[in-house]
Amino acid sequence: MSDLLDADLTTLQGEHTTLGRLLDGRAALVVNVASRCGLTPQYTQLEQLQEELGGRGFTVLGFPCNQFGGQEPGTAEQIAEFCSATYGVTFPLSSKIEVNGPGRDAIYARLTETADAEGHDGDIRWNFEKFVLAPDGRVVARFAPQTTPDAPEVREAIQSVLPA
C-alpha cells in the first residue's frame, strides 16, 4: 500500500512532506476534523489516545476540512491556536483539505475506498470520520463520525496494528 504512504501532504505549519514520512513507521488514526462541529469534543479522546499510545508507535493525524456546514472556517493559524488552547492537541494536523468531491485530497481518495463495518464506503459522511492505518499504509478499519475515538472497536483496531 505504498501508494498511500507516497501521497503528498502539507502540515498545518506549511511543511510539504508525504504521509509515509510524517507517519515514520507508526500506526495511525486518521480523522477529518473541524473546530465548530457538535463532534468537536472528540478532540479530547483523540488527544488522550495520542498521549496513551504515542510512545508505542502510534499517532493521531487530523485533517481539517470545511466541507460540512462550514464548520472549519479558520486559517491555519486559527486552527492551530484553537486546537492547542482548547484541547491541548499535540498530534499532527494537515493543512485544510477537501475530503469529498472533485477536489478530494489524494489521501482521502484512497481512504474512502475502504468500507466500515456497516459496508459504507465512498464519500465521507461528516466531520470526525475515522480510519485506522497500519504502519505499512494498509487501511484496516473505518469508523463513522459518531463512533468516539475511545470506543472499544476503535481501540481494538488500533491495538491490532501497533508495532511490536
N, C-alpha and C. Protein backbone atom coordinates (compact mmCIF):
# COMPACT_ATOMS: atom_id res chain seq x y z
N MET A 1 0.82 -1.20 0.00
CA MET A 1 0.00 0.00 0.00
C MET A 1 0.86 1.26 0.00
N SER A 2 2.05 1.15 -0.55
CA SER A 2 2.96 2.29 -0.52
C SER A 2 2.39 3.49 -1.24
N ASP A 3 1.40 3.30 -2.15
CA ASP A 3 0.84 4.45 -2.85
C ASP A 3 0.20 5.43 -1.86
N LEU A 4 -0.42 4.93 -0.82
CA LEU A 4 -0.99 5.81 0.19
C LEU A 4 0.13 6.51 0.96
N LEU A 5 1.15 5.78 1.33
CA LEU A 5 2.27 6.39 2.06
C LEU A 5 3.03 7.40 1.21
N ASP A 6 2.98 7.24 -0.11
CA ASP A 6 3.67 8.16 -1.01
C ASP A 6 2.87 9.44 -1.29
N ALA A 7 1.62 9.49 -0.82
CA ALA A 7 0.76 10.64 -1.10
C ALA A 7 1.32 11.91 -0.44
N ASP A 8 1.28 12.99 -1.20
CA ASP A 8 1.75 14.28 -0.69
C ASP A 8 0.84 14.80 0.40
N LEU A 9 1.43 15.53 1.33
CA LEU A 9 0.72 16.08 2.47
C LEU A 9 1.40 17.39 2.85
N THR A 10 0.61 18.37 3.22
CA THR A 10 1.15 19.62 3.74
C THR A 10 0.66 19.75 5.17
N THR A 11 1.58 19.96 6.10
CA THR A 11 1.20 20.10 7.50
C THR A 11 0.52 21.44 7.73
N LEU A 12 -0.10 21.60 8.87
CA LEU A 12 -0.77 22.85 9.21
C LEU A 12 0.24 23.99 9.27
N GLN A 13 1.52 23.67 9.53
CA GLN A 13 2.57 24.68 9.56
C GLN A 13 3.14 24.99 8.18
N GLY A 14 2.61 24.32 7.13
CA GLY A 14 3.04 24.61 5.76
C GLY A 14 4.19 23.75 5.26
N GLU A 15 4.61 22.75 6.01
CA GLU A 15 5.70 21.87 5.59
C GLU A 15 5.17 20.83 4.60
N HIS A 16 5.84 20.70 3.47
CA HIS A 16 5.46 19.72 2.46
C HIS A 16 6.20 18.41 2.74
N THR A 17 5.45 17.31 2.76
CA THR A 17 6.02 16.00 3.05
C THR A 17 5.14 14.95 2.39
N THR A 18 5.31 13.70 2.77
CA THR A 18 4.42 12.63 2.34
C THR A 18 3.81 12.01 3.59
N LEU A 19 2.73 11.28 3.40
CA LEU A 19 2.10 10.61 4.53
C LEU A 19 3.09 9.65 5.18
N GLY A 20 3.86 8.92 4.37
CA GLY A 20 4.83 7.97 4.91
C GLY A 20 5.91 8.62 5.74
N ARG A 21 6.43 9.76 5.27
CA ARG A 21 7.47 10.45 6.05
C ARG A 21 6.89 11.00 7.35
N LEU A 22 5.67 11.49 7.30
CA LEU A 22 5.05 12.02 8.51
C LEU A 22 4.79 10.91 9.52
N LEU A 23 4.29 9.77 9.05
CA LEU A 23 3.99 8.67 9.97
C LEU A 23 5.25 7.97 10.45
N ASP A 24 6.28 7.90 9.62
CA ASP A 24 7.57 7.36 10.02
C ASP A 24 7.45 5.99 10.69
N GLY A 25 6.71 5.07 10.05
CA GLY A 25 6.60 3.71 10.55
C GLY A 25 5.61 3.51 11.68
N ARG A 26 4.83 4.53 11.99
CA ARG A 26 3.83 4.42 13.06
C ARG A 26 2.47 4.03 12.52
N ALA A 27 1.67 3.37 13.34
CA ALA A 27 0.25 3.16 13.06
C ALA A 27 -0.43 4.51 13.28
N ALA A 28 -1.60 4.70 12.69
CA ALA A 28 -2.26 6.00 12.81
C ALA A 28 -3.77 5.87 12.84
N LEU A 29 -4.39 6.84 13.50
CA LEU A 29 -5.82 7.07 13.41
C LEU A 29 -5.98 8.38 12.66
N VAL A 30 -6.50 8.30 11.44
CA VAL A 30 -6.66 9.46 10.57
C VAL A 30 -8.10 9.95 10.69
N VAL A 31 -8.26 11.25 10.93
CA VAL A 31 -9.58 11.82 11.22
C VAL A 31 -9.73 13.15 10.50
N ASN A 32 -10.87 13.35 9.81
CA ASN A 32 -11.16 14.69 9.28
C ASN A 32 -11.82 15.48 10.41
N VAL A 33 -11.24 16.61 10.75
CA VAL A 33 -11.63 17.36 11.94
C VAL A 33 -12.20 18.73 11.59
N ALA A 34 -12.93 19.29 12.56
CA ALA A 34 -13.49 20.64 12.42
C ALA A 34 -13.64 21.26 13.80
N SER A 35 -13.45 22.56 13.88
CA SER A 35 -13.44 23.27 15.15
C SER A 35 -14.82 23.69 15.64
N ARG A 36 -15.80 23.72 14.76
CA ARG A 36 -17.12 24.24 15.13
C ARG A 36 -18.23 23.22 14.88
N CYS A 37 -17.98 21.99 15.25
CA CYS A 37 -18.90 20.88 14.99
C CYS A 37 -19.39 20.34 16.32
N GLY A 38 -20.57 19.77 16.33
CA GLY A 38 -21.06 19.12 17.54
C GLY A 38 -20.17 17.98 18.00
N LEU A 39 -19.37 17.43 17.09
CA LEU A 39 -18.47 16.33 17.42
C LEU A 39 -17.06 16.82 17.80
N THR A 40 -16.84 18.13 17.77
CA THR A 40 -15.52 18.68 18.08
C THR A 40 -14.96 18.21 19.43
N PRO A 41 -15.80 17.97 20.46
CA PRO A 41 -15.24 17.46 21.72
C PRO A 41 -14.50 16.12 21.58
N GLN A 42 -14.64 15.45 20.44
CA GLN A 42 -13.85 14.24 20.22
C GLN A 42 -12.35 14.52 20.23
N TYR A 43 -11.97 15.78 20.05
CA TYR A 43 -10.55 16.14 20.17
C TYR A 43 -10.00 15.66 21.52
N THR A 44 -10.81 15.69 22.56
CA THR A 44 -10.37 15.25 23.89
C THR A 44 -9.92 13.79 23.85
N GLN A 45 -10.75 12.91 23.29
CA GLN A 45 -10.39 11.49 23.21
C GLN A 45 -9.24 11.25 22.23
N LEU A 46 -9.20 12.03 21.15
CA LEU A 46 -8.09 11.88 20.21
C LEU A 46 -6.77 12.20 20.90
N GLU A 47 -6.74 13.28 21.65
CA GLU A 47 -5.50 13.65 22.35
C GLU A 47 -5.17 12.62 23.44
N GLN A 48 -6.17 12.07 24.11
CA GLN A 48 -5.92 11.02 25.11
C GLN A 48 -5.28 9.79 24.46
N LEU A 49 -5.77 9.40 23.28
CA LEU A 49 -5.16 8.28 22.56
C LEU A 49 -3.71 8.60 22.19
N GLN A 50 -3.48 9.84 21.74
CA GLN A 50 -2.13 10.26 21.38
C GLN A 50 -1.19 10.15 22.58
N GLU A 51 -1.64 10.65 23.71
CA GLU A 51 -0.81 10.62 24.92
C GLU A 51 -0.58 9.19 25.40
N GLU A 52 -1.61 8.36 25.34
CA GLU A 52 -1.51 6.98 25.83
C GLU A 52 -0.66 6.09 24.93
N LEU A 53 -0.82 6.23 23.62
CA LEU A 53 -0.20 5.28 22.69
C LEU A 53 0.93 5.87 21.85
N GLY A 54 1.17 7.17 21.97
CA GLY A 54 2.20 7.82 21.16
C GLY A 54 3.58 7.20 21.32
N GLY A 55 3.89 6.72 22.50
CA GLY A 55 5.19 6.11 22.74
C GLY A 55 5.28 4.66 22.27
N ARG A 56 4.19 4.15 21.74
CA ARG A 56 4.15 2.76 21.29
C ARG A 56 4.05 2.63 19.76
N GLY A 57 4.49 3.66 19.05
CA GLY A 57 4.46 3.59 17.59
C GLY A 57 3.11 3.93 16.99
N PHE A 58 2.45 4.93 17.56
CA PHE A 58 1.11 5.33 17.12
C PHE A 58 1.03 6.85 17.08
N THR A 59 0.19 7.36 16.17
CA THR A 59 -0.13 8.78 16.17
C THR A 59 -1.55 8.98 15.65
N VAL A 60 -2.18 10.02 16.15
CA VAL A 60 -3.41 10.54 15.55
C VAL A 60 -2.94 11.52 14.48
N LEU A 61 -3.67 11.60 13.39
CA LEU A 61 -3.38 12.58 12.35
C LEU A 61 -4.68 13.23 11.93
N GLY A 62 -4.81 14.54 12.18
CA GLY A 62 -6.02 15.27 11.87
C GLY A 62 -5.93 16.02 10.55
N PHE A 63 -7.02 15.96 9.80
CA PHE A 63 -7.13 16.68 8.53
C PHE A 63 -8.28 17.67 8.63
N PRO A 64 -8.01 18.94 8.93
CA PRO A 64 -9.08 19.93 8.98
C PRO A 64 -9.80 20.03 7.63
N CYS A 65 -11.13 20.14 7.71
CA CYS A 65 -11.95 20.18 6.49
C CYS A 65 -13.14 21.10 6.74
N ASN A 66 -13.46 21.94 5.76
CA ASN A 66 -14.56 22.90 5.89
C ASN A 66 -15.74 22.52 5.00
N GLN A 67 -15.83 21.26 4.56
CA GLN A 67 -16.87 20.86 3.62
C GLN A 67 -18.21 20.53 4.26
N PHE A 68 -18.28 20.45 5.56
CA PHE A 68 -19.52 20.04 6.22
C PHE A 68 -20.05 21.19 7.06
N GLY A 69 -20.99 21.92 6.51
CA GLY A 69 -21.61 23.02 7.24
C GLY A 69 -20.69 24.18 7.53
N GLY A 70 -19.58 24.29 6.81
CA GLY A 70 -18.65 25.41 7.03
C GLY A 70 -18.11 25.43 8.45
N GLN A 71 -17.89 24.24 9.03
CA GLN A 71 -17.53 24.15 10.44
C GLN A 71 -16.03 24.22 10.72
N GLU A 72 -15.22 24.47 9.69
CA GLU A 72 -13.78 24.71 9.88
C GLU A 72 -13.37 25.89 9.02
N PRO A 73 -13.88 27.09 9.36
CA PRO A 73 -13.64 28.26 8.50
C PRO A 73 -12.29 28.95 8.72
N GLY A 74 -11.58 28.61 9.78
CA GLY A 74 -10.40 29.36 10.16
C GLY A 74 -9.19 29.19 9.27
N THR A 75 -8.23 30.07 9.49
CA THR A 75 -6.92 29.96 8.84
C THR A 75 -6.11 28.88 9.55
N ALA A 76 -4.98 28.53 8.99
CA ALA A 76 -4.10 27.55 9.62
C ALA A 76 -3.74 28.00 11.03
N GLU A 77 -3.42 29.27 11.19
CA GLU A 77 -3.04 29.80 12.49
C GLU A 77 -4.20 29.72 13.49
N GLN A 78 -5.40 30.04 13.04
CA GLN A 78 -6.57 29.98 13.91
C GLN A 78 -6.88 28.54 14.32
N ILE A 79 -6.76 27.61 13.38
CA ILE A 79 -6.99 26.20 13.68
C ILE A 79 -5.97 25.71 14.71
N ALA A 80 -4.71 26.02 14.49
CA ALA A 80 -3.65 25.60 15.42
C ALA A 80 -3.89 26.17 16.81
N GLU A 81 -4.23 27.44 16.90
CA GLU A 81 -4.48 28.07 18.19
C GLU A 81 -5.67 27.44 18.89
N PHE A 82 -6.76 27.23 18.17
CA PHE A 82 -7.95 26.61 18.76
C PHE A 82 -7.63 25.22 19.30
N CYS A 83 -6.99 24.40 18.49
CA CYS A 83 -6.69 23.02 18.89
C CYS A 83 -5.77 22.98 20.10
N SER A 84 -4.78 23.84 20.11
CA SER A 84 -3.82 23.87 21.22
C SER A 84 -4.45 24.43 22.49
N ALA A 85 -5.10 25.57 22.38
CA ALA A 85 -5.63 26.25 23.56
C ALA A 85 -6.85 25.53 24.14
N THR A 86 -7.71 24.99 23.28
CA THR A 86 -8.96 24.40 23.75
C THR A 86 -8.80 22.94 24.15
N TYR A 87 -8.00 22.18 23.39
CA TYR A 87 -7.92 20.74 23.61
C TYR A 87 -6.50 20.23 23.88
N GLY A 88 -5.52 21.11 23.88
CA GLY A 88 -4.14 20.69 24.14
C GLY A 88 -3.61 19.72 23.11
N VAL A 89 -4.05 19.86 21.88
CA VAL A 89 -3.67 18.92 20.82
C VAL A 89 -2.17 18.94 20.57
N THR A 90 -1.56 17.77 20.59
CA THR A 90 -0.13 17.62 20.31
C THR A 90 0.11 16.79 19.05
N PHE A 91 -0.92 16.14 18.53
CA PHE A 91 -0.74 15.30 17.34
C PHE A 91 -0.71 16.18 16.09
N PRO A 92 -0.13 15.65 15.00
CA PRO A 92 -0.01 16.45 13.79
C PRO A 92 -1.35 16.71 13.10
N LEU A 93 -1.44 17.88 12.52
CA LEU A 93 -2.58 18.29 11.71
C LEU A 93 -2.08 18.69 10.34
N SER A 94 -2.87 18.38 9.32
CA SER A 94 -2.52 18.79 7.96
C SER A 94 -3.08 20.18 7.70
N SER A 95 -2.72 20.73 6.57
CA SER A 95 -3.39 21.93 6.11
C SER A 95 -4.84 21.55 5.80
N LYS A 96 -5.70 22.55 5.69
CA LYS A 96 -7.11 22.30 5.40
C LYS A 96 -7.23 21.64 4.02
N ILE A 97 -8.04 20.58 3.95
CA ILE A 97 -8.21 19.85 2.69
C ILE A 97 -9.69 19.62 2.40
N GLU A 98 -9.95 19.07 1.21
CA GLU A 98 -11.28 18.58 0.86
C GLU A 98 -11.24 17.06 0.91
N VAL A 99 -12.27 16.46 1.50
CA VAL A 99 -12.31 15.01 1.64
C VAL A 99 -13.31 14.37 0.68
N ASN A 100 -14.14 15.17 0.02
CA ASN A 100 -15.13 14.69 -0.94
C ASN A 100 -15.08 15.56 -2.20
N GLY A 101 -15.69 15.05 -3.25
CA GLY A 101 -15.86 15.84 -4.47
C GLY A 101 -14.63 15.88 -5.35
N PRO A 102 -14.68 16.72 -6.40
CA PRO A 102 -13.61 16.76 -7.38
C PRO A 102 -12.28 17.25 -6.83
N GLY A 103 -12.30 18.00 -5.72
CA GLY A 103 -11.07 18.49 -5.11
C GLY A 103 -10.57 17.59 -3.99
N ARG A 104 -11.12 16.37 -3.90
CA ARG A 104 -10.76 15.45 -2.82
C ARG A 104 -9.25 15.22 -2.80
N ASP A 105 -8.67 15.35 -1.62
CA ASP A 105 -7.24 15.10 -1.42
C ASP A 105 -6.92 13.65 -1.78
N ALA A 106 -5.73 13.42 -2.33
CA ALA A 106 -5.32 12.08 -2.76
C ALA A 106 -5.34 11.06 -1.61
N ILE A 107 -5.01 11.51 -0.42
CA ILE A 107 -5.05 10.59 0.73
C ILE A 107 -6.48 10.11 0.96
N TYR A 108 -7.43 11.02 0.90
CA TYR A 108 -8.82 10.64 1.11
C TYR A 108 -9.40 9.87 -0.08
N ALA A 109 -8.86 10.08 -1.26
CA ALA A 109 -9.29 9.26 -2.40
C ALA A 109 -9.01 7.79 -2.11
N ARG A 110 -7.87 7.50 -1.50
CA ARG A 110 -7.52 6.12 -1.14
C ARG A 110 -8.28 5.65 0.09
N LEU A 111 -8.36 6.48 1.11
CA LEU A 111 -9.03 6.07 2.35
C LEU A 111 -10.49 5.70 2.10
N THR A 112 -11.18 6.48 1.26
CA THR A 112 -12.61 6.26 1.07
C THR A 112 -12.93 5.02 0.25
N GLU A 113 -11.92 4.33 -0.24
CA GLU A 113 -12.15 3.03 -0.90
C GLU A 113 -12.50 1.95 0.12
N THR A 114 -12.18 2.20 1.39
CA THR A 114 -12.40 1.23 2.46
C THR A 114 -13.79 1.41 3.05
N ALA A 115 -14.47 0.29 3.28
CA ALA A 115 -15.80 0.30 3.88
C ALA A 115 -15.69 0.13 5.39
N ASP A 116 -16.67 0.68 6.11
CA ASP A 116 -16.74 0.47 7.54
C ASP A 116 -17.49 -0.85 7.82
N ALA A 117 -17.71 -1.16 9.08
CA ALA A 117 -18.34 -2.42 9.46
C ALA A 117 -19.77 -2.55 8.91
N GLU A 118 -20.42 -1.43 8.64
CA GLU A 118 -21.78 -1.46 8.07
C GLU A 118 -21.77 -1.49 6.55
N GLY A 119 -20.58 -1.49 5.94
CA GLY A 119 -20.47 -1.55 4.49
C GLY A 119 -20.41 -0.21 3.80
N HIS A 120 -20.36 0.89 4.56
CA HIS A 120 -20.29 2.21 3.93
C HIS A 120 -18.87 2.48 3.44
N ASP A 121 -18.77 2.71 2.13
CA ASP A 121 -17.51 3.19 1.57
C ASP A 121 -17.83 4.44 0.77
N GLY A 122 -16.85 4.99 0.11
CA GLY A 122 -17.10 6.21 -0.66
C GLY A 122 -17.04 7.44 0.22
N ASP A 123 -17.85 8.43 -0.15
CA ASP A 123 -17.77 9.75 0.47
C ASP A 123 -17.78 9.72 2.00
N ILE A 124 -17.03 10.67 2.55
CA ILE A 124 -17.03 10.92 3.98
C ILE A 124 -18.40 11.50 4.33
N ARG A 125 -19.00 11.01 5.42
CA ARG A 125 -20.35 11.42 5.78
C ARG A 125 -20.41 12.73 6.55
N TRP A 126 -19.40 12.99 7.39
CA TRP A 126 -19.41 14.21 8.21
C TRP A 126 -18.04 14.35 8.84
N ASN A 127 -17.85 15.39 9.62
CA ASN A 127 -16.62 15.59 10.36
C ASN A 127 -16.38 14.43 11.32
N PHE A 128 -15.13 14.12 11.56
CA PHE A 128 -14.69 13.12 12.54
C PHE A 128 -14.94 11.68 12.12
N GLU A 129 -14.93 11.42 10.81
CA GLU A 129 -14.90 10.03 10.34
C GLU A 129 -13.46 9.55 10.55
N LYS A 130 -13.31 8.28 10.91
CA LYS A 130 -12.00 7.77 11.36
C LYS A 130 -11.53 6.59 10.54
N PHE A 131 -10.21 6.54 10.31
CA PHE A 131 -9.57 5.42 9.61
C PHE A 131 -8.35 4.99 10.42
N VAL A 132 -8.19 3.68 10.59
CA VAL A 132 -7.01 3.15 11.26
C VAL A 132 -6.06 2.65 10.19
N LEU A 133 -4.82 3.13 10.25
CA LEU A 133 -3.79 2.71 9.29
C LEU A 133 -2.72 1.90 10.01
N ALA A 134 -2.31 0.81 9.36
CA ALA A 134 -1.17 0.03 9.84
C ALA A 134 0.09 0.79 9.45
N PRO A 135 1.22 0.49 10.09
CA PRO A 135 2.47 1.18 9.75
C PRO A 135 2.86 1.05 8.27
N ASP A 136 2.42 -0.01 7.59
CA ASP A 136 2.75 -0.19 6.18
C ASP A 136 1.77 0.53 5.24
N GLY A 137 0.84 1.29 5.80
CA GLY A 137 -0.10 2.05 4.99
C GLY A 137 -1.41 1.36 4.69
N ARG A 138 -1.58 0.12 5.15
CA ARG A 138 -2.86 -0.58 4.95
C ARG A 138 -3.95 0.10 5.77
N VAL A 139 -5.11 0.29 5.16
CA VAL A 139 -6.27 0.80 5.88
C VAL A 139 -6.96 -0.41 6.47
N VAL A 140 -6.98 -0.51 7.80
CA VAL A 140 -7.52 -1.72 8.44
C VAL A 140 -8.91 -1.53 9.01
N ALA A 141 -9.37 -0.30 9.16
CA ALA A 141 -10.71 -0.08 9.70
C ALA A 141 -11.17 1.34 9.39
N ARG A 142 -12.49 1.47 9.30
CA ARG A 142 -13.13 2.77 9.10
C ARG A 142 -14.28 2.86 10.08
N PHE A 143 -14.45 4.04 10.67
CA PHE A 143 -15.49 4.23 11.68
C PHE A 143 -16.28 5.50 11.39
N ALA A 144 -17.59 5.43 11.65
CA ALA A 144 -18.49 6.55 11.44
C ALA A 144 -18.13 7.73 12.34
N PRO A 145 -18.53 8.93 11.95
CA PRO A 145 -18.22 10.11 12.74
C PRO A 145 -18.68 10.02 14.20
N GLN A 146 -19.85 9.44 14.44
CA GLN A 146 -20.39 9.38 15.80
C GLN A 146 -19.67 8.36 16.67
N THR A 147 -18.89 7.46 16.09
CA THR A 147 -18.12 6.49 16.88
C THR A 147 -16.99 7.25 17.55
N THR A 148 -16.95 7.22 18.87
CA THR A 148 -15.94 8.00 19.58
C THR A 148 -14.56 7.37 19.41
N PRO A 149 -13.52 8.19 19.45
CA PRO A 149 -12.16 7.67 19.28
C PRO A 149 -11.76 6.63 20.32
N ASP A 150 -12.39 6.69 21.50
CA ASP A 150 -12.05 5.73 22.54
C ASP A 150 -13.02 4.55 22.62
N ALA A 151 -13.88 4.39 21.62
CA ALA A 151 -14.80 3.25 21.58
C ALA A 151 -14.00 1.95 21.53
N PRO A 152 -14.51 0.88 22.15
CA PRO A 152 -13.77 -0.38 22.18
C PRO A 152 -13.35 -0.88 20.79
N GLU A 153 -14.21 -0.73 19.80
CA GLU A 153 -13.87 -1.22 18.46
C GLU A 153 -12.74 -0.41 17.81
N VAL A 154 -12.68 0.88 18.11
CA VAL A 154 -11.59 1.71 17.60
C VAL A 154 -10.28 1.32 18.29
N ARG A 155 -10.33 1.21 19.60
CA ARG A 155 -9.13 0.83 20.36
C ARG A 155 -8.62 -0.54 19.93
N GLU A 156 -9.54 -1.47 19.69
CA GLU A 156 -9.14 -2.82 19.25
C GLU A 156 -8.44 -2.76 17.90
N ALA A 157 -8.98 -1.97 16.97
CA ALA A 157 -8.36 -1.85 15.64
C ALA A 157 -6.97 -1.23 15.76
N ILE A 158 -6.83 -0.21 16.60
CA ILE A 158 -5.51 0.42 16.78
C ILE A 158 -4.53 -0.59 17.39
N GLN A 159 -4.96 -1.27 18.45
CA GLN A 159 -4.08 -2.25 19.12
C GLN A 159 -3.60 -3.32 18.14
N SER A 160 -4.46 -3.69 17.19
CA SER A 160 -4.11 -4.77 16.25
C SER A 160 -2.99 -4.41 15.30
N VAL A 161 -2.69 -3.12 15.16
CA VAL A 161 -1.64 -2.69 14.21
C VAL A 161 -0.47 -1.96 14.86
N LEU A 162 -0.47 -1.89 16.19
CA LEU A 162 0.67 -1.23 16.85
C LEU A 162 1.93 -2.04 16.58
N PRO A 163 3.03 -1.36 16.30
CA PRO A 163 4.30 -2.09 16.11
C PRO A 163 4.65 -2.88 17.37
N ALA A 164 5.31 -4.01 17.15
CA ALA A 164 5.66 -4.89 18.29
C ALA A 164 6.67 -4.25 19.21
